[in-house]
Structure formats: C-alpha cells, structure tokens
Amino acid sequence: MLSGLVFPGIGHFFLKKRIPGILLSGTALISLYFLIAESVAAALKITEKIRSGEIDLSTTTITELAAMQTAADDSQLLGIATTALIICWLVGIVDSYRVGRANDD
C-alpha cells in the first residue's frame, strides 16, 4: 500500500528490495520534476503577462491562457512524463504486492 498511497518505490524499500525501489523512485522523481518545472515556467509566463498589463486579471482569461500554453509548447513531452509517472506508480503497486505476497509464503 505504501507504493500506492505515498510514492512509487517506497513499498520496495519497505520490503528491502532496494534496486527496484531506486529505479521506480528515480524514474518517478525525474518525471515529477519535469512536470513541476514546466508548470512553474508556464505560471511565470502568465504572471509576467499579467504584470505587464498584456492580459487582464480574470480567472477566465488566466485559465484560457494556461490551457493554451500547455497545449502549445511541450505537450508531447508533458504527456510522456505524465505517462511515465503513472506507469511507475502502477508498476510499483503491482510489484510491491507481488513481492509482499511472495514473502508471506
């Protein structure tokens, strides 16, 4: 359950399977870093446009601009990072369960 609720790979560390834990956690951290970095960069672009007066301060305008930015720039790379994070999470859950069941027997 740790891999499912906390972070991918944590369940493997708990089960003393360090190599799979490092691989899952490392991949998930890299994917998460990329997603956060791109989100912060997009937010900073929008903030700069608000400060300069290019756009007005309304939630509708900001939401539309945020959607356009994520669709325009690195949408394929963001999709790959999101997919990698989800796959790491699912593999972590399934493999931790499998290893845990094998240790119980």
PDB file of N, CA and C in Angstrom:
ATOM      1  N   MET A   1       0.816  -1.204   0.000  1.00  0.00           N
ATOM      2  CA  MET A   1       0.000   0.000   0.000  1.00  0.00           C
ATOM      3  C   MET A   1       0.856   1.263   0.000  1.00  0.00           C
ATOM      4  N   LEU A   2       2.098   1.175   0.502  1.00  0.00           N
ATOM      5  CA  LEU A   2       2.951   2.362   0.535  1.00  0.00           C
ATOM      6  C   LEU A   2       3.240   2.878  -0.867  1.00  0.00           C
ATOM      7  N   SER A   3       3.465   1.975  -1.823  1.00  0.00           N
ATOM      8  CA  SER A   3       3.738   2.402  -3.193  1.00  0.00           C
ATOM      9  C   SER A   3       2.515   3.079  -3.807  1.00  0.00           C
ATOM     10  N   GLY A   4       1.344   2.667  -3.415  1.00  0.00           N
ATOM     11  CA  GLY A   4       0.125   3.246  -3.971  1.00  0.00           C
ATOM     12  C   GLY A   4      -0.278   4.546  -3.320  1.00  0.00           C
ATOM     13  N   LEU A   5      -0.029   4.670  -2.027  1.00  0.00           N
ATOM     14  CA  LEU A   5      -0.509   5.843  -1.302  1.00  0.00           C
ATOM     15  C   LEU A   5       0.536   6.925  -1.112  1.00  0.00           C
ATOM     16  N   VAL A   6       1.803   6.566  -1.028  1.00  0.00           N
ATOM     17  CA  VAL A   6       2.831   7.550  -0.714  1.00  0.00           C
ATOM     18  C   VAL A   6       3.585   7.968  -1.972  1.00  0.00           C
ATOM     19  N   PHE A   7       4.378   7.069  -2.532  1.00  0.00           N
ATOM     20  CA  PHE A   7       5.190   7.381  -3.713  1.00  0.00           C
ATOM     21  C   PHE A   7       5.667   6.072  -4.337  1.00  0.00           C
ATOM     22  N   PRO A   8       5.812   6.018  -5.647  1.00  0.00           N
ATOM     23  CA  PRO A   8       6.293   4.784  -6.280  1.00  0.00           C
ATOM     24  C   PRO A   8       7.675   4.382  -5.764  1.00  0.00           C
ATOM     25  N   GLY A   9       7.820   3.117  -5.427  1.00  0.00           N
ATOM     26  CA  GLY A   9       9.102   2.602  -4.970  1.00  0.00           C
ATOM     27  C   GLY A   9       9.235   2.519  -3.458  1.00  0.00           C
ATOM     28  N   ILE A  10       8.427   3.234  -2.714  1.00  0.00           N
ATOM     29  CA  ILE A  10       8.521   3.215  -1.249  1.00  0.00           C
ATOM     30  C   ILE A  10       8.196   1.826  -0.700  1.00  0.00           C
ATOM     31  N   GLY A  11       7.236   1.168  -1.310  1.00  0.00           N
ATOM     32  CA  GLY A  11       6.904  -0.196  -0.888  1.00  0.00           C
ATOM     33  C   GLY A  11       8.066  -1.152  -1.080  1.00  0.00           C
ATOM     34  N   HIS A  12       8.838  -0.949  -2.133  1.00  0.00           N
ATOM     35  CA  HIS A  12      10.007  -1.797  -2.380  1.00  0.00           C
ATOM     36  C   HIS A  12      11.080  -1.570  -1.317  1.00  0.00           C
ATOM     37  N   PHE A  13      11.281  -0.312  -0.919  1.00  0.00           N
ATOM     38  CA  PHE A  13      12.239  -0.046   0.155  1.00  0.00           C
ATOM     39  C   PHE A  13      11.795  -0.716   1.448  1.00  0.00           C
ATOM     40  N   PHE A  14      10.494  -0.669   1.729  1.00  0.00           N
ATOM     41  CA  PHE A  14       9.951  -1.316   2.924  1.00  0.00           C
ATOM     42  C   PHE A  14      10.165  -2.822   2.880  1.00  0.00           C
ATOM     43  N   LEU A  15      10.065  -3.405   1.687  1.00  0.00           N
ATOM     44  CA  LEU A  15      10.265  -4.845   1.511  1.00  0.00           C
ATOM     45  C   LEU A  15      11.733  -5.210   1.305  1.00  0.00           C
ATOM     46  N   LYS A  16      12.619  -4.217   1.459  1.00  0.00           N
ATOM     47  CA  LYS A  16      14.066  -4.391   1.331  1.00  0.00           C
ATOM     48  C   LYS A  16      14.481  -4.820  -0.078  1.00  0.00           C
ATOM     49  N   LYS A  17      13.776  -4.319  -1.068  1.00  0.00           N
ATOM     50  CA  LYS A  17      14.113  -4.520  -2.480  1.00  0.00           C
ATOM     51  C   LYS A  17      14.595  -3.171  -3.001  1.00  0.00           C
ATOM     52  N   ARG A  18      15.866  -2.860  -2.726  1.00  0.00           N
ATOM     53  CA  ARG A  18      16.391  -1.516  -2.961  1.00  0.00           C
ATOM     54  C   ARG A  18      16.544  -1.153  -4.440  1.00  0.00           C
ATOM     55  N   ILE A  19      17.007  -2.078  -5.258  1.00  0.00           N
ATOM     56  CA  ILE A  19      17.239  -1.767  -6.675  1.00  0.00           C
ATOM     57  C   ILE A  19      15.928  -1.403  -7.385  1.00  0.00           C
ATOM     58  N   PRO A  20      14.881  -2.239  -7.289  1.00  0.00           N
ATOM     59  CA  PRO A  20      13.613  -1.824  -7.921  1.00  0.00           C
ATOM     60  C   PRO A  20      13.060  -0.539  -7.296  1.00  0.00           C
ATOM     61  N   GLY A  21      13.258  -0.357  -5.998  1.00  0.00           N
ATOM     62  CA  GLY A  21      12.801   0.863  -5.339  1.00  0.00           C
ATOM     63  C   GLY A  21      13.505   2.096  -5.867  1.00  0.00           C
ATOM     64  N   ILE A  22      14.810   1.976  -6.066  1.00  0.00           N
ATOM     65  CA  ILE A  22      15.586   3.103  -6.602  1.00  0.00           C
ATOM     66  C   ILE A  22      15.158   3.404  -8.041  1.00  0.00           C
ATOM     67  N   LEU A  23      14.977   2.365  -8.846  1.00  0.00           N
ATOM     68  CA  LEU A  23      14.573   2.577 -10.241  1.00  0.00           C
ATOM     69  C   LEU A  23      13.197   3.232 -10.338  1.00  0.00           C
ATOM     70  N   LEU A  24      12.246   2.722  -9.578  1.00  0.00           N
ATOM     71  CA  LEU A  24      10.896   3.289  -9.622  1.00  0.00           C
ATOM     72  C   LEU A  24      10.862   4.711  -9.070  1.00  0.00           C
ATOM     73  N   SER A  25      11.496   4.914  -7.925  1.00  0.00           N
ATOM     74  CA  SER A  25      11.508   6.251  -7.317  1.00  0.00           C
ATOM     75  C   SER A  25      12.259   7.245  -8.189  1.00  0.00           C
ATOM     76  N   GLY A  26      13.386   6.825  -8.742  1.00  0.00           N
ATOM     77  CA  GLY A  26      14.168   7.718  -9.600  1.00  0.00           C
ATOM     78  C   GLY A  26      13.406   8.135 -10.839  1.00  0.00           C
ATOM     79  N   THR A  27      12.779   7.182 -11.503  1.00  0.00           N
ATOM     80  CA  THR A  27      12.003   7.493 -12.696  1.00  0.00           C
ATOM     81  C   THR A  27      10.822   8.405 -12.357  1.00  0.00           C
ATOM     82  N   ALA A  28      10.152   8.104 -11.260  1.00  0.00           N
ATOM     83  CA  ALA A  28       9.018   8.930 -10.848  1.00  0.00           C
ATOM     84  C   ALA A  28       9.472  10.338 -10.471  1.00  0.00           C
ATOM     85  N   LEU A  29      10.608  10.459  -9.790  1.00  0.00           N
ATOM     86  CA  LEU A  29      11.117  11.785  -9.415  1.00  0.00           C
ATOM     87  C   LEU A  29      11.500  12.610 -10.634  1.00  0.00           C
ATOM     88  N   ILE A  30      12.132  11.986 -11.609  1.00  0.00           N
ATOM     89  CA  ILE A  30      12.507  12.699 -12.833  1.00  0.00           C
ATOM     90  C   ILE A  30      11.259  13.169 -13.573  1.00  0.00           C
ATOM     91  N   SER A  31      10.271  12.306 -13.683  1.00  0.00           N
ATOM     92  CA  SER A  31       9.015  12.683 -14.346  1.00  0.00           C
ATOM     93  C   SER A  31       8.314  13.807 -13.593  1.00  0.00           C
ATOM     94  N   LEU A  32       8.268  13.684 -12.282  1.00  0.00           N
ATOM     95  CA  LEU A  32       7.617  14.704 -11.458  1.00  0.00           C
ATOM     96  C   LEU A  32       8.356  16.030 -11.531  1.00  0.00           C
ATOM     97  N   TYR A  33       9.680  15.983 -11.536  1.00  0.00           N
ATOM     98  CA  TYR A  33      10.472  17.207 -11.663  1.00  0.00           C
ATOM     99  C   TYR A  33      10.152  17.917 -12.975  1.00  0.00           C
ATOM    100  N   PHE A  34      10.103  17.152 -14.061  1.00  0.00           N
ATOM    101  CA  PHE A  34       9.815  17.747 -15.362  1.00  0.00           C
ATOM    102  C   PHE A  34       8.424  18.376 -15.382  1.00  0.00           C
ATOM    103  N   LEU A  35       7.435  17.672 -14.832  1.00  0.00           N
ATOM    104  CA  LEU A  35       6.076  18.209 -14.804  1.00  0.00           C
ATOM    105  C   LEU A  35       5.996  19.492 -13.978  1.00  0.00           C
ATOM    106  N   ILE A  36       6.636  19.503 -12.819  1.00  0.00           N
ATOM    107  CA  ILE A  36       6.602  20.686 -11.964  1.00  0.00           C
ATOM    108  C   ILE A  36       7.366  21.844 -12.607  1.00  0.00           C
ATOM    109  N   ALA A  37       8.521  21.562 -13.185  1.00  0.00           N
ATOM    110  CA  ALA A  37       9.318  22.622 -13.824  1.00  0.00           C
ATOM    111  C   ALA A  37       8.546  23.273 -14.966  1.00  0.00           C
ATOM    112  N   GLU A  38       7.888  22.471 -15.782  1.00  0.00           N
ATOM    113  CA  GLU A  38       7.101  23.019 -16.892  1.00  0.00           C
ATOM    114  C   GLU A  38       5.895  23.808 -16.391  1.00  0.00           C
ATOM    115  N   SER A  39       5.260  23.339 -15.326  1.00  0.00           N
ATOM    116  CA  SER A  39       4.114  24.057 -14.759  1.00  0.00           C
ATOM    117  C   SER A  39       4.533  25.399 -14.182  1.00  0.00           C
ATOM    118  N   VAL A  40       5.652  25.423 -13.489  1.00  0.00           N
ATOM    119  CA  VAL A  40       6.156  26.679 -12.918  1.00  0.00           C
ATOM    120  C   VAL A  40       6.559  27.647 -14.027  1.00  0.00           C
ATOM    121  N   ALA A  41       7.197  27.153 -15.075  1.00  0.00           N
ATOM    122  CA  ALA A  41       7.590  28.013 -16.195  1.00  0.00           C
ATOM    123  C   ALA A  41       6.360  28.630 -16.861  1.00  0.00           C
ATOM    124  N   ALA A  42       5.306  27.830 -17.054  1.00  0.00           N
ATOM    125  CA  ALA A  42       4.076  28.352 -17.651  1.00  0.00           C
ATOM    126  C   ALA A  42       3.423  29.379 -16.729  1.00  0.00           C
ATOM    127  N   ALA A  43       3.429  29.108 -15.423  1.00  0.00           N
ATOM    128  CA  ALA A  43       2.843  30.056 -14.466  1.00  0.00           C
ATOM    129  C   ALA A  43       3.620  31.371 -14.446  1.00  0.00           C
ATOM    130  N   LEU A  44       4.930  31.293 -14.558  1.00  0.00           N
ATOM    131  CA  LEU A  44       5.743  32.514 -14.586  1.00  0.00           C
ATOM    132  C   LEU A  44       5.490  33.337 -15.851  1.00  0.00           C
ATOM    133  N   LYS A  45       5.280  32.674 -16.976  1.00  0.00           N
ATOM    134  CA  LYS A  45       4.954  33.391 -18.217  1.00  0.00           C
ATOM    135  C   LYS A  45       3.625  34.131 -18.073  1.00  0.00           C
ATOM    136  N   ILE A  46       2.648  33.450 -17.495  1.00  0.00           N
ATOM    137  CA  ILE A  46       1.334  34.077 -17.298  1.00  0.00           C
ATOM    138  C   ILE A  46       1.445  35.231 -16.317  1.00  0.00           C
ATOM    139  N   THR A  47       2.202  35.046 -15.245  1.00  0.00           N
ATOM    140  CA  THR A  47       2.384  36.109 -14.257  1.00  0.00           C
ATOM    141  C   THR A  47       3.035  37.333 -14.885  1.00  0.00           C
ATOM    142  N   GLU A  48       4.015  37.105 -15.735  1.00  0.00           N
ATOM    143  CA  GLU A  48       4.685  38.226 -16.397  1.00  0.00           C
ATOM    144  C   GLU A  48       3.726  38.972 -17.321  1.00  0.00           C
ATOM    145  N   LYS A  49       2.859  38.250 -18.002  1.00  0.00           N
ATOM    146  CA  LYS A  49       1.874  38.895 -18.868  1.00  0.00           C
ATOM    147  C   LYS A  49       0.871  39.711 -18.055  1.00  0.00           C
ATOM    148  N   ILE A  50       0.518  39.233 -16.876  1.00  0.00           N
ATOM    149  CA  ILE A  50      -0.390  39.986 -16.005  1.00  0.00           C
ATOM    150  C   ILE A  50       0.297  41.247 -15.507  1.00  0.00           C
ATOM    151  N   ARG A  51       1.549  41.114 -15.084  1.00  0.00           N
ATOM    152  CA  ARG A  51       2.304  42.272 -14.581  1.00  0.00           C
ATOM    153  C   ARG A  51       2.495  43.350 -15.640  1.00  0.00           C
ATOM    154  N   SER A  52       2.748  42.923 -16.871  1.00  0.00           N
ATOM    155  CA  SER A  52       2.990  43.899 -17.933  1.00  0.00           C
ATOM    156  C   SER A  52       1.699  44.532 -18.439  1.00  0.00           C
ATOM    157  N   GLY A  53       0.556  43.974 -18.051  1.00  0.00           N
ATOM    158  CA  GLY A  53      -0.723  44.528 -18.478  1.00  0.00           C
ATOM    159  C   GLY A  53      -1.217  43.960 -19.794  1.00  0.00           C
ATOM    160  N   GLU A  54      -0.542  42.943 -20.311  1.00  0.00           N
ATOM    161  CA  GLU A  54      -0.960  42.314 -21.567  1.00  0.00           C
ATOM    162  C   GLU A  54      -2.331  41.672 -21.450  1.00  0.00           C
ATOM    163  N   ILE A  55      -2.583  41.057 -20.313  1.00  0.00           N
ATOM    164  CA  ILE A  55      -3.885  40.427 -20.082  1.00  0.00           C
ATOM    165  C   ILE A  55      -4.487  40.986 -18.802  1.00  0.00           C
ATOM    166  N   ASP A  56      -5.804  40.905 -18.714  1.00  0.00           N
ATOM    167  CA  ASP A  56      -6.466  41.395 -17.514  1.00  0.00           C
ATOM    168  C   ASP A  56      -6.510  40.298 -16.447  1.00  0.00           C
ATOM    169  N   LEU A  57      -6.745  40.705 -15.253  1.00  0.00           N
ATOM    170  CA  LEU A  57      -6.721  39.796 -14.109  1.00  0.00           C
ATOM    171  C   LEU A  57      -8.103  39.191 -13.891  1.00  0.00           C
ATOM    172  N   SER A  58      -8.439  38.206 -14.710  1.00  0.00           N
ATOM    173  CA  SER A  58      -9.702  37.488 -14.538  1.00  0.00           C
ATOM    174  C   SER A  58      -9.420  35.994 -14.623  1.00  0.00           C
ATOM    175  N   THR A  59     -10.170  35.237 -13.879  1.00  0.00           N
ATOM    176  CA  THR A  59      -9.918  33.794 -13.843  1.00  0.00           C
ATOM    177  C   THR A  59     -10.156  33.138 -15.197  1.00  0.00           C
ATOM    178  N   THR A  60     -11.118  33.640 -15.943  1.00  0.00           N
ATOM    179  CA  THR A  60     -11.402  33.054 -17.252  1.00  0.00           C
ATOM    180  C   THR A  60     -10.225  33.243 -18.199  1.00  0.00           C
ATOM    181  N   THR A  61      -9.691  34.449 -18.235  1.00  0.00           N
ATOM    182  CA  THR A  61      -8.563  34.739 -19.122  1.00  0.00           C
ATOM    183  C   THR A  61      -7.334  33.931 -18.729  1.00  0.00           C
ATOM    184  N   ILE A  62      -7.065  33.867 -17.429  1.00  0.00           N
ATOM    185  CA  ILE A  62      -5.899  33.123 -16.946  1.00  0.00           C
ATOM    186  C   ILE A  62      -6.049  31.636 -17.253  1.00  0.00           C
ATOM    187  N   THR A  63      -7.238  31.091 -17.053  1.00  0.00           N
ATOM    188  CA  THR A  63      -7.487  29.671 -17.333  1.00  0.00           C
ATOM    189  C   THR A  63      -7.300  29.366 -18.814  1.00  0.00           C
ATOM    190  N   GLU A  64      -7.829  30.227 -19.670  1.00  0.00           N
ATOM    191  CA  GLU A  64      -7.675  30.019 -21.111  1.00  0.00           C
ATOM    192  C   GLU A  64      -6.209  30.096 -21.534  1.00  0.00           C
ATOM    193  N   LEU A  65      -5.486  31.068 -20.976  1.00  0.00           N
ATOM    194  CA  LEU A  65      -4.072  31.219 -21.308  1.00  0.00           C
ATOM    195  C   LEU A  65      -3.253  30.019 -20.823  1.00  0.00           C
ATOM    196  N   ALA A  66      -3.565  29.512 -19.645  1.00  0.00           N
ATOM    197  CA  ALA A  66      -2.860  28.336 -19.118  1.00  0.00           C
ATOM    198  C   ALA A  66      -3.123  27.113 -19.989  1.00  0.00           C
ATOM    199  N   ALA A  67      -4.362  26.947 -20.431  1.00  0.00           N
ATOM    200  CA  ALA A  67      -4.689  25.811 -21.301  1.00  0.00           C
ATOM    201  C   ALA A  67      -3.984  25.927 -22.642  1.00  0.00           C
ATOM    202  N   MET A  68      -3.899  27.141 -23.171  1.00  0.00           N
ATOM    203  CA  MET A  68      -3.219  27.342 -24.450  1.00  0.00           C
ATOM    204  C   MET A  68      -1.721  27.074 -24.320  1.00  0.00           C
ATOM    205  N   GLN A  69      -1.121  27.465 -23.207  1.00  0.00           N
ATOM    206  CA  GLN A  69       0.324  27.273 -23.032  1.00  0.00           C
ATOM    207  C   GLN A  69       0.678  25.803 -22.916  1.00  0.00           C
ATOM    208  N   THR A  70      -0.112  25.049 -22.173  1.00  0.00           N
ATOM    209  CA  THR A  70       0.203  23.629 -22.035  1.00  0.00           C
ATOM    210  C   THR A  70      -0.047  22.893 -23.344  1.00  0.00           C
ATOM    211  N   ALA A  71      -0.993  23.345 -24.136  1.00  0.00           N
ATOM    212  CA  ALA A  71      -1.274  22.693 -25.416  1.00  0.00           C
ATOM    213  C   ALA A  71      -0.241  23.071 -26.477  1.00  0.00           C
ATOM    214  N   ALA A  72       0.371  24.225 -26.328  1.00  0.00           N
ATOM    215  CA  ALA A  72       1.235  24.728 -27.388  1.00  0.00           C
ATOM    216  C   ALA A  72       2.668  24.202 -27.307  1.00  0.00           C
ATOM    217  N   ASP A  73       3.324  24.375 -26.184  1.00  0.00           N
ATOM    218  CA  ASP A  73       4.771  24.198 -26.113  1.00  0.00           C
ATOM    219  C   ASP A  73       5.207  22.736 -26.141  1.00  0.00           C
ATOM    220  N   ASP A  74       5.246  22.114 -25.000  1.00  0.00           N
ATOM    221  CA  ASP A  74       5.820  20.770 -24.874  1.00  0.00           C
ATOM    222  C   ASP A  74       4.756  19.742 -24.502  1.00  0.00           C
ATOM    223  N   SER A  75       3.636  19.761 -25.189  1.00  0.00           N
ATOM    224  CA  SER A  75       2.550  18.870 -24.813  1.00  0.00           C
ATOM    225  C   SER A  75       2.941  17.400 -24.975  1.00  0.00           C
ATOM    226  N   GLN A  76       3.740  17.087 -25.979  1.00  0.00           N
ATOM    227  CA  GLN A  76       4.154  15.700 -26.160  1.00  0.00           C
ATOM    228  C   GLN A  76       5.087  15.263 -25.037  1.00  0.00           C
ATOM    229  N   LEU A  77       6.026  16.119 -24.661  1.00  0.00           N
ATOM    230  CA  LEU A  77       6.935  15.785 -23.569  1.00  0.00           C
ATOM    231  C   LEU A  77       6.206  15.706 -22.230  1.00  0.00           C
ATOM    232  N   LEU A  78       5.237  16.594 -22.034  1.00  0.00           N
ATOM    233  CA  LEU A  78       4.442  16.529 -20.805  1.00  0.00           C
ATOM    234  C   LEU A  78       3.624  15.245 -20.765  1.00  0.00           C
ATOM    235  N   GLY A  79       3.117  14.832 -21.904  1.00  0.00           N
ATOM    236  CA  GLY A  79       2.370  13.578 -21.981  1.00  0.00           C
ATOM    237  C   GLY A  79       3.244  12.377 -21.666  1.00  0.00           C
ATOM    238  N   ILE A  80       4.469  12.397 -22.159  1.00  0.00           N
ATOM    239  CA  ILE A  80       5.405  11.301 -21.886  1.00  0.00           C
ATOM    240  C   ILE A  80       5.751  11.264 -20.393  1.00  0.00           C
ATOM    241  N   ALA A  81       6.004  12.435 -19.809  1.00  0.00           N
ATOM    242  CA  ALA A  81       6.335  12.488 -18.378  1.00  0.00           C
ATOM    243  C   ALA A  81       5.163  12.026 -17.525  1.00  0.00           C
ATOM    244  N   THR A  82       3.963  12.438 -17.895  1.00  0.00           N
ATOM    245  CA  THR A  82       2.771  12.012 -17.153  1.00  0.00           C
ATOM    246  C   THR A  82       2.572  10.510 -17.276  1.00  0.00           C
ATOM    247  N   THR A  83       2.726   9.983 -18.477  1.00  0.00           N
ATOM    248  CA  THR A  83       2.575   8.546 -18.699  1.00  0.00           C
ATOM    249  C   THR A  83       3.635   7.763 -17.919  1.00  0.00           C
ATOM    250  N   ALA A  84       4.865   8.243 -17.918  1.00  0.00           N
ATOM    251  CA  ALA A  84       5.931   7.568 -17.169  1.00  0.00           C
ATOM    252  C   ALA A  84       5.627   7.556 -15.676  1.00  0.00           C
ATOM    253  N   LEU A  85       5.115   8.658 -15.155  1.00  0.00           N
ATOM    254  CA  LEU A  85       4.774   8.718 -13.730  1.00  0.00           C
ATOM    255  C   LEU A  85       3.651   7.747 -13.388  1.00  0.00           C
ATOM    256  N   ILE A  86       2.626   7.697 -14.217  1.00  0.00           N
ATOM    257  CA  ILE A  86       1.510   6.771 -13.974  1.00  0.00           C
ATOM    258  C   ILE A  86       1.972   5.323 -14.073  1.00  0.00           C
ATOM    259  N   ILE A  87       2.795   5.025 -15.065  1.00  0.00           N
ATOM    260  CA  ILE A  87       3.294   3.650 -15.218  1.00  0.00           C
ATOM    261  C   ILE A  87       4.149   3.259 -14.019  1.00  0.00           C
ATOM    262  N   CYS A  88       5.013   4.162 -13.563  1.00  0.00           N
ATOM    263  CA  CYS A  88       5.834   3.873 -12.373  1.00  0.00           C
ATOM    264  C   CYS A  88       4.947   3.586 -11.168  1.00  0.00           C
ATOM    265  N   TRP A  89       3.916   4.377 -11.015  1.00  0.00           N
ATOM    266  CA  TRP A  89       3.024   4.197  -9.877  1.00  0.00           C
ATOM    267  C   TRP A  89       2.330   2.829  -9.953  1.00  0.00           C
ATOM    268  N   LEU A  90       1.818   2.489 -11.125  1.00  0.00           N
ATOM    269  CA  LEU A  90       1.127   1.205 -11.274  1.00  0.00           C
ATOM    270  C   LEU A  90       2.074   0.020 -11.116  1.00  0.00           C
ATOM    271  N   VAL A  91       3.251   0.110 -11.725  1.00  0.00           N
ATOM    272  CA  VAL A  91       4.238  -0.973 -11.597  1.00  0.00           C
ATOM    273  C   VAL A  91       4.651  -1.117 -10.135  1.00  0.00           C
ATOM    274  N   GLY A  92       4.830   0.002  -9.444  1.00  0.00           N
ATOM    275  CA  GLY A  92       5.200  -0.033  -8.032  1.00  0.00           C
ATOM    276  C   GLY A  92       4.153  -0.738  -7.184  1.00  0.00           C
ATOM    277  N   ILE A  93       2.892  -0.436  -7.437  1.00  0.00           N
ATOM    278  CA  ILE A  93       1.802  -1.064  -6.677  1.00  0.00           C
ATOM    279  C   ILE A  93       1.753  -2.562  -6.937  1.00  0.00           C
ATOM    280  N   VAL A  94       1.736  -2.926  -8.211  1.00  0.00           N
ATOM    281  CA  VAL A  94       1.598  -4.343  -8.571  1.00  0.00           C
ATOM    282  C   VAL A  94       2.808  -5.147  -8.113  1.00  0.00           C
ATOM    283  N   ASP A  95       4.003  -4.626  -8.346  1.00  0.00           N
ATOM    284  CA  ASP A  95       5.204  -5.376  -7.988  1.00  0.00           C
ATOM    285  C   ASP A  95       5.384  -5.464  -6.468  1.00  0.00           C
ATOM    286  N   SER A  96       5.059  -4.408  -5.752  1.00  0.00           N
ATOM    287  CA  SER A  96       5.138  -4.465  -4.281  1.00  0.00           C
ATOM    288  C   SER A  96       4.174  -5.513  -3.737  1.00  0.00           C
ATOM    289  N   TYR A  97       2.985  -5.558  -4.301  1.00  0.00           N
ATOM    290  CA  TYR A  97       2.010  -6.565  -3.886  1.00  0.00           C
ATOM    291  C   TYR A  97       2.530  -7.963  -4.175  1.00  0.00           C
ATOM    292  N   ARG A  98       3.097  -8.139  -5.379  1.00  0.00           N
ATOM    293  CA  ARG A  98       3.625  -9.449  -5.775  1.00  0.00           C
ATOM    294  C   ARG A  98       4.768  -9.883  -4.852  1.00  0.00           C
ATOM    295  N   VAL A  99       5.699  -8.977  -4.578  1.00  0.00           N
ATOM    296  CA  VAL A  99       6.844  -9.295  -3.721  1.00  0.00           C
ATOM    297  C   VAL A  99       6.378  -9.556  -2.290  1.00  0.00           C
ATOM    298  N   GLY A 100       5.433  -8.759  -1.831  1.00  0.00           N
ATOM    299  CA  GLY A 100       4.894  -8.962  -0.476  1.00  0.00           C
ATOM    300  C   GLY A 100       4.213 -10.301  -0.318  1.00  0.00           C
ATOM    301  N   ARG A 101       3.435 -10.676  -1.329  1.00  0.00           N
ATOM    302  CA  ARG A 101       2.765 -11.988  -1.286  1.00  0.00           C
ATOM    303  C   ARG A 101       3.789 -13.123  -1.326  1.00  0.00           C
ATOM    304  N   ALA A 102       4.848 -12.968  -2.102  1.00  0.00           N
ATOM    305  CA  ALA A 102       5.887 -13.995  -2.180  1.00  0.00           C
ATOM    306  C   ALA A 102       6.624 -14.114  -0.826  1.00  0.00           C
ATOM    307  N   ASN A 103       6.811 -13.014  -0.138  1.00  0.00           N
ATOM    308  CA  ASN A 103       7.464 -13.053   1.166  1.00  0.00           C
ATOM    309  C   ASN A 103       6.574 -13.685   2.238  1.00  0.00           C
ATOM    310  N   ASP A 104       5.255 -13.571   2.080  1.00  0.00           N
ATOM    311  CA  ASP A 104       4.328 -14.165   3.054  1.00  0.00           C
ATOM    312  C   ASP A 104       4.317 -15.681   2.969  1.00  0.00           C
ATOM    313  N   ASP A 105       4.586 -16.219   1.781  1.00  0.00           N
ATOM    314  CA  ASP A 105       4.529 -17.678   1.589  1.00  0.00           C
ATOM    315  C   ASP A 105       5.728 -18.344   2.143  1.00  0.00           C
TER     316      ASP A 105
END
